[in-house]
Protein backbone atom coordinates (compact mmCIF):
# COMPACT_ATOMS: atom_id res chain seq x y z
CA MET A 1 14.50 5.60 -6.20
CA PHE A 2 16.43 8.85 -6.33
CA ASP A 3 19.32 10.04 -4.23
CA ALA A 4 18.75 13.33 -2.41
CA GLY A 5 21.52 14.72 -0.27
CA PHE A 6 21.71 17.39 2.41
CA TRP A 7 21.94 20.30 -0.02
CA GLU A 8 18.87 19.21 -1.98
CA PHE A 9 16.79 18.99 1.21
CA LEU A 10 18.07 22.36 2.38
CA LEU A 11 17.08 23.94 -0.94
CA ILE A 12 13.59 22.38 -0.76
CA GLY A 13 13.20 23.64 2.82
CA ILE A 14 14.19 27.20 1.91
CA VAL A 15 11.82 27.28 -1.08
CA ALA A 16 8.99 25.86 1.08
CA LEU A 17 9.69 28.45 3.77
CA LEU A 18 9.54 31.27 1.22
CA VAL A 19 6.43 29.97 -0.56
CA VAL A 20 4.36 28.76 2.40
CA GLY A 21 5.65 31.00 5.15
CA PRO A 22 6.87 30.22 8.67
CA GLU A 23 3.38 29.93 10.17
CA ARG A 24 2.10 27.12 7.93
CA LEU A 25 5.42 25.32 7.37
CA PRO A 26 5.14 22.94 10.42
CA GLU A 27 1.63 21.90 9.39
CA LEU A 28 2.79 21.34 5.80
CA ALA A 29 5.76 19.29 7.03
CA ARG A 30 3.42 17.11 9.14
CA LYS A 31 1.11 16.49 6.19
CA ALA A 32 4.04 15.76 3.89
CA GLY A 33 5.43 13.26 6.43
CA TYR A 34 2.02 11.62 6.75
CA TRP A 35 1.60 11.20 2.98
CA ILE A 36 5.18 10.01 2.50
CA GLY A 37 4.61 7.40 5.22
CA ARG A 38 1.41 6.22 3.56
CA ALA A 39 3.16 6.04 0.19
CA ARG A 40 5.99 3.96 1.68
CA LYS A 41 3.50 1.64 3.36
CA PHE A 42 1.62 1.21 0.08
CA VAL A 43 4.84 0.48 -1.85
CA ASN A 44 5.94 -2.07 0.79
CA THR A 45 2.52 -3.76 0.66
CA VAL A 46 2.61 -4.01 -3.12
CA LYS A 47 6.18 -5.31 -3.01
CA ALA A 48 5.21 -7.99 -0.48
CA ASP A 49 2.21 -9.03 -2.61
CA VAL A 50 4.36 -9.34 -5.72
CA GLU A 51 6.97 -11.39 -3.87
CA ARG A 52 4.25 -13.65 -2.45
CA GLU A 53 2.86 -14.22 -5.96
CA PHE A 54 6.30 -15.11 -7.30
CA ARG A 55 6.81 -17.57 -4.43
CA THR A 56 3.38 -19.07 -5.13
CA GLU A 57 4.23 -19.55 -8.80
CA GLU A 58 7.58 -21.12 -7.91
CA LEU A 59 5.88 -23.49 -5.45
CA GLU A 60 3.30 -24.47 -8.08
CA LYS A 61 6.09 -25.21 -10.57
CA MET A 62 7.93 -27.31 -7.99
CA LEU A 63 4.73 -29.17 -7.13
CA SER A 64 4.00 -29.98 -10.77
CA GLN A 65 7.59 -31.19 -11.27
CA GLN A 66 7.30 -33.42 -8.22
CA ASN A 67 3.99 -34.81 -9.47
CA GLU A 68 5.63 -35.65 -12.80
CA GLU A 69 8.52 -37.36 -11.00
CA ILE A 70 6.08 -39.34 -8.84
CA LYS A 71 4.22 -40.47 -11.97
CA GLU A 72 7.50 -41.55 -13.57
CA LEU A 73 8.44 -43.48 -10.43
CA ARG A 74 5.06 -45.21 -10.36
CA ASP A 75 5.46 -46.18 -14.00
CA MET A 76 8.93 -47.52 -13.25
CA MET A 77 7.58 -49.52 -10.31
CA LYS A 78 4.81 -51.00 -12.45
CA SER A 79 7.21 -51.97 -15.22
CA THR A 80 9.66 -53.44 -12.70
CA GLN A 81 6.87 -55.37 -11.01
CA GLN A 82 5.66 -56.71 -14.35
CA SER A 83 9.16 -57.71 -15.47
CA THR A 84 9.74 -59.41 -12.11
CA LEU A 85 6.49 -61.35 -12.44
CA ASP A 86 7.41 -62.32 -16.00
CA THR A 87 10.83 -63.50 -14.84
CA LEU A 88 9.30 -65.51 -11.99
CA ASN A 89 6.79 -67.13 -14.33
CA GLU A 90 9.51 -67.97 -16.82
CA THR A 91 11.73 -69.39 -14.07
CA GLU A 92 8.84 -71.45 -12.71
CA TYR A 93 8.13 -72.78 -16.20
CA LEU A 94 11.79 -73.67 -16.74
CA VAL A 95 12.00 -75.40 -13.35
CA ARG A 96 8.88 -77.42 -14.06
CA ALA A 97 10.09 -78.31 -17.53
CA SER A 98 13.51 -79.38 -16.31
CA THR A 99 12.14 -81.50 -13.46
CA SER A 100 9.60 -83.24 -15.65
CA THR A 101 12.18 -84.36 -18.26
CA THR A 102 15.10 -85.31 -16.02
CA GLU A 103 13.38 -87.09 -13.15
CA PRO A 104 11.46 -90.29 -13.76
CA ASP A 105 7.91 -90.44 -12.56
CA PRO A 106 7.89 -92.56 -9.37
CA THR A 107 4.38 -93.85 -10.10
CA LYS A 108 5.47 -95.46 -13.34
CA LYS A 109 7.66 -98.55 -13.43
CA ASP A 110 10.40 -99.01 -15.93
CA LYS A 111 9.38 -101.59 -18.57
CA LYS A 112 12.88 -102.95 -18.96
CA GLN A 113 12.96 -104.13 -15.37
CA ASP A 114 9.91 -106.34 -15.79
């Protein structure tokens, strides 16, 4: 957050020593350390929660994109299946039509031979 060097801490220590006095300074330093530790822990917890929320949102976006892609693939499979069935039906029709016109029916006799 802010950059404090050696001289800044020394100045704060001297002012605290003058204001509080040498008897209460160790107790004040302990309390300050305790509250600074709690503040750091709180900031780290909030930071972790925010990062977790961002990851959750990113995962939800990825999941919705994958669901859209799956739907597109299913639609493609259905259309491919339908076009394949149409092609097979058309081929079957053409094969039946070509065999019925080119090959004589073996059950019928040719009238010219009689």
